[in-house]
């Protein structure tokens, strides 16, 4: 089995809090697969059509939820953004930014930029629902600012992002993060939801070396 015949697909959303908690494990999975399998980013679209700001009940839920994830994952969280009365938790622009990075520089760069977006939102409370913020973050990350700013708002890239959402649905993904493996036997779930890397390392190694018994399929 050549490297190009094995693919690890990460399905997530830059504004998904469990995806942020999973970020250290995601990075280690990428390192484990480097030179041995293709790693691919697919954005799933957590809240892509939300138009209303968070009410008090939702703010309370998010505050408790983020504290729990911070405790379980040791990832740093900032909570000031939850105090805003005008913040709309629409994740489509951040997803589109990750897709834009992928189309510009490929999956490896896009996976790193995805993590960059997560940190900007959760650790710094930068408003990644705003295109101007996303453009600045792309520039800070090292992407060509002018090209990114040109591509990000286009209908073409909105459609490319929607195609990611649809692909995730075809895979049967119902929650984030989800990691899917793809090889000569087709698609299968590696993990659905948050897991520490220690729970995944041996499974991924078995898959990379062709010793994994496949028993959980994802629809093509």
Protein backbone atom coordinates (compact mmCIF):
# COMPACT_ATOMS: atom_id res chain seq x y z
CA UNK A 1 0.00 0.00 0.00
CA UNK A 2 1.57 3.24 -1.10
CA UNK A 3 1.26 6.44 0.87
CA UNK A 4 -1.19 7.99 -1.59
CA UNK A 5 -3.59 5.08 -1.14
CA UNK A 6 -4.19 5.87 2.53
CA UNK A 7 -6.05 9.01 3.53
CA UNK A 8 -6.90 10.38 6.96
CA UNK A 9 -9.83 12.80 6.72
CA UNK A 10 -10.41 15.28 9.52
CA UNK A 11 -13.98 16.63 9.59
CA UNK A 12 -14.50 19.60 11.86
CA UNK A 13 -15.50 23.22 12.26
CA UNK A 14 -13.11 25.99 13.38
CA UNK A 15 -15.75 27.25 15.83
CA UNK A 16 -16.65 23.82 17.26
CA UNK A 17 -15.47 23.82 20.87
CA UNK A 18 -14.88 20.06 21.02
CA UNK A 19 -12.80 20.38 17.82
CA UNK A 20 -10.72 22.98 19.63
CA UNK A 21 -10.30 20.62 22.56
CA UNK A 22 -9.23 17.95 20.08
CA UNK A 23 -6.63 20.22 18.43
CA UNK A 24 -3.57 18.73 20.21
CA UNK A 25 -4.68 15.22 19.21
CA UNK A 26 -5.32 16.40 15.64
CA UNK A 27 -1.78 17.78 15.44
CA UNK A 28 -0.28 14.52 16.69
CA UNK A 29 -2.34 12.51 14.22
CA UNK A 30 -1.02 14.69 11.42
CA UNK A 31 2.54 14.12 12.64
CA UNK A 32 1.96 10.37 12.90
CA UNK A 33 0.64 10.23 9.33
CA UNK A 34 3.30 12.50 7.82
CA UNK A 35 4.94 10.74 4.88
CA UNK A 36 2.72 7.69 5.40
CA UNK A 37 -0.78 8.85 4.48
CA UNK A 38 -2.51 11.84 2.95
CA UNK A 39 -4.21 14.10 5.49
CA UNK A 40 -7.30 15.92 4.27
CA UNK A 41 -9.42 18.68 5.79
CA UNK A 42 -13.19 18.69 5.36
CA UNK A 43 -15.23 21.41 7.07
CA UNK A 44 -18.53 20.16 8.40
CA UNK A 45 -20.49 23.31 9.16
CA UNK A 46 -21.63 23.41 12.78
CA UNK A 47 -23.96 26.42 12.67
CA UNK A 48 -24.00 27.68 9.11
CA UNK A 49 -27.34 29.48 9.05
CA UNK A 50 -27.61 31.07 12.49
CA UNK A 51 -28.73 34.70 12.30
CA UNK A 52 -29.70 35.57 15.87
CA UNK A 53 -27.36 36.60 18.74
CA UNK A 54 -26.99 34.34 21.76
CA UNK A 55 -29.62 34.76 24.45
CA UNK A 56 -28.86 34.46 28.16
CA UNK A 57 -29.64 30.75 28.27
CA UNK A 58 -27.39 30.00 25.32
CA UNK A 59 -24.57 32.12 26.79
CA UNK A 60 -24.81 30.19 30.06
CA UNK A 61 -24.71 26.87 28.19
CA UNK A 62 -21.64 27.90 26.20
CA UNK A 63 -19.86 29.19 29.27
CA UNK A 64 -20.34 25.89 31.10
CA UNK A 65 -19.55 23.90 27.98
CA UNK A 66 -16.29 25.75 27.31
CA UNK A 67 -15.18 25.41 30.91
CA UNK A 68 -15.78 21.65 30.73
CA UNK A 69 -13.79 21.29 27.51
CA UNK A 70 -10.98 23.42 28.90
CA UNK A 71 -10.75 21.16 31.94
CA UNK A 72 -10.80 17.97 29.88
CA UNK A 73 -8.41 19.10 27.17
CA UNK A 74 -6.19 21.66 28.96
CA UNK A 75 -6.80 24.03 26.05
CA UNK A 76 -6.92 27.74 26.96
CA UNK A 77 -10.28 29.51 26.70
CA UNK A 78 -11.25 33.16 26.91
CA UNK A 79 -14.90 33.93 27.70
CA UNK A 80 -15.29 37.66 27.02
CA UNK A 81 -17.01 37.14 23.66
CA UNK A 82 -19.93 35.47 25.44
CA UNK A 83 -20.70 38.79 27.12
CA UNK A 84 -21.50 40.43 23.78
CA UNK A 85 -25.17 40.89 23.00
CA UNK A 86 -24.60 41.17 19.26
CA UNK A 87 -22.46 38.08 18.64
CA UNK A 88 -24.04 35.65 16.14
CA UNK A 89 -22.52 32.18 16.29
CA UNK A 90 -22.46 31.63 12.53
CA UNK A 91 -19.63 29.26 11.63
CA UNK A 92 -19.90 29.41 7.82
CA UNK A 93 -17.37 32.25 7.30
CA UNK A 94 -14.68 30.51 9.38
CA UNK A 95 -15.31 27.27 7.52
CA UNK A 96 -15.03 29.15 4.23
CA UNK A 97 -11.75 30.68 5.36
CA UNK A 98 -10.33 27.20 5.97
CA UNK A 99 -11.51 26.08 2.54
CA UNK A 100 -9.94 29.17 0.99
CA UNK A 101 -6.61 28.34 2.62
CA UNK A 102 -6.90 24.77 1.36
CA UNK A 103 -7.57 25.88 -2.20
CA UNK A 104 -4.64 28.29 -2.06
CA UNK A 105 -2.01 26.14 -0.37
CA UNK A 106 -3.28 22.57 0.02
CA UNK A 107 -4.44 20.41 2.89
CA UNK A 108 -1.35 20.53 5.10
CA UNK A 109 -1.42 24.32 5.24
CA UNK A 110 -5.20 24.35 5.61
CA UNK A 111 -5.10 21.99 8.59
CA UNK A 112 -2.61 24.31 10.29
CA UNK A 113 -4.66 27.39 9.41
CA UNK A 114 -7.75 25.65 10.81
CA UNK A 115 -5.92 25.38 14.14
CA UNK A 116 -4.84 29.03 13.82
CA UNK A 117 -8.50 30.04 13.48
CA UNK A 118 -9.45 27.96 16.51
CA UNK A 119 -6.87 29.64 18.70
CA UNK A 120 -7.86 33.09 17.48
CA UNK A 121 -11.48 32.46 18.43
CA UNK A 122 -11.23 30.48 21.64
CA UNK A 123 -7.99 31.72 23.20
CA UNK A 124 -8.18 35.34 21.95
CA UNK A 125 -11.92 35.81 21.26
CA UNK A 126 -11.30 37.30 17.84
CA UNK A 127 -14.59 37.43 15.95
CA UNK A 128 -13.99 34.91 13.19
CA UNK A 129 -17.53 35.36 11.90
CA UNK A 130 -16.28 38.58 10.25
CA UNK A 131 -14.52 38.44 6.89
CA UNK A 132 -12.17 41.33 7.68
CA UNK A 133 -10.97 39.48 10.80
CA UNK A 134 -10.45 36.30 8.79
CA UNK A 135 -8.45 38.18 6.17
CA UNK A 136 -6.17 39.63 8.83
CA UNK A 137 -5.74 36.20 10.41
CA UNK A 138 -4.81 34.75 7.02
CA UNK A 139 -2.19 37.46 6.58
CA UNK A 140 -0.82 36.88 10.08
CA UNK A 141 -0.60 33.19 9.28
CA UNK A 142 1.45 33.92 6.17
CA UNK A 143 -1.10 33.52 3.40
CA UNK A 144 -1.20 36.03 0.58
CA UNK A 145 -3.56 38.65 1.99
CA UNK A 146 -4.66 40.11 -1.34
CA UNK A 147 -5.41 36.73 -2.88
CA UNK A 148 -7.21 35.49 0.23
CA UNK A 149 -9.29 38.68 0.41
CA UNK A 150 -10.21 38.30 -3.26
CA UNK A 151 -11.29 34.66 -2.98
CA UNK A 152 -12.96 34.51 0.43
CA UNK A 153 -16.21 36.41 -0.31
CA UNK A 154 -16.89 34.93 -3.73
CA UNK A 155 -19.85 32.77 -4.63
CA UNK A 156 -17.38 30.20 -5.94
CA UNK A 157 -15.83 29.72 -2.52
CA UNK A 158 -19.18 29.75 -0.79
CA UNK A 159 -20.12 26.89 -3.09
CA UNK A 160 -16.85 25.05 -2.46
CA UNK A 161 -17.55 25.31 1.26
CA UNK A 162 -21.08 23.99 0.77
CA UNK A 163 -19.61 21.05 -1.13
CA UNK A 164 -17.56 20.22 1.97
CA UNK A 165 -20.71 20.29 4.10
CA UNK A 166 -22.43 17.97 1.64
CA UNK A 167 -19.47 15.58 1.54
CA UNK A 168 -19.47 15.38 5.33
CA UNK A 169 -23.17 14.52 5.18
CA UNK A 170 -22.52 11.80 2.61
CA UNK A 171 -19.92 10.34 4.97
CA UNK A 172 -22.65 10.20 7.59
CA UNK A 173 -20.87 12.60 9.91
CA UNK A 174 -23.26 13.75 12.62
CA UNK A 175 -20.89 15.41 15.08
CA UNK A 176 -17.50 17.06 15.25
CA UNK A 177 -14.69 16.30 15.36
CA UNK A 178 -14.89 13.13 13.28
CA UNK A 179 -11.85 11.42 11.82
CA UNK A 180 -12.40 9.10 8.87
CA UNK A 181 -9.87 6.77 7.30
CA UNK A 182 -10.02 5.96 3.61
CA UNK A 183 -8.06 3.17 1.94
CA UNK A 184 -8.54 0.23 -0.41
CA UNK A 185 -11.38 -0.98 1.82
CA UNK A 186 -13.29 2.30 1.57
CA UNK A 187 -14.24 4.75 4.28
CA UNK A 188 -14.46 4.00 8.00
CA UNK A 189 -14.70 6.08 11.15
CA UNK A 190 -11.60 6.32 13.30
CA UNK A 191 -13.23 8.44 15.96
CA UNK A 192 -16.47 10.36 16.36
CA UNK A 193 -16.17 13.09 18.97
CA UNK A 194 -13.41 14.17 21.32
CA UNK A 195 -10.73 11.64 22.24
CA UNK A 196 -7.25 12.12 23.69
CA UNK A 197 -4.48 11.13 21.32
CA UNK A 198 -3.42 8.31 23.63
CA UNK A 199 -6.68 6.54 22.79
CA UNK A 200 -6.05 6.82 19.05
CA UNK A 201 -2.31 6.36 18.52
CA UNK A 202 -2.28 2.56 18.44
CA UNK A 203 -5.38 2.38 16.23
CA UNK A 204 -3.87 4.77 13.69
CA UNK A 205 -0.59 2.88 13.75
CA UNK A 206 -2.44 -0.37 13.09
CA UNK A 207 -4.24 1.26 10.19
CA UNK A 208 -1.03 2.71 8.75
CA UNK A 209 0.65 -0.69 8.90
CA UNK A 210 -2.34 -2.57 7.46
CA UNK A 211 -3.16 -4.42 10.67
CA UNK A 212 -6.42 -2.67 11.61
CA UNK A 213 -9.57 -4.79 11.61
CA UNK A 214 -12.24 -2.70 9.93
CA UNK A 215 -15.71 -2.88 11.43
CA UNK A 216 -17.20 0.62 11.27
CA UNK A 217 -18.06 2.01 7.86
CA UNK A 218 -18.78 5.49 6.64
CA UNK A 219 -20.96 5.91 3.60
CA UNK A 220 -19.24 7.10 0.46
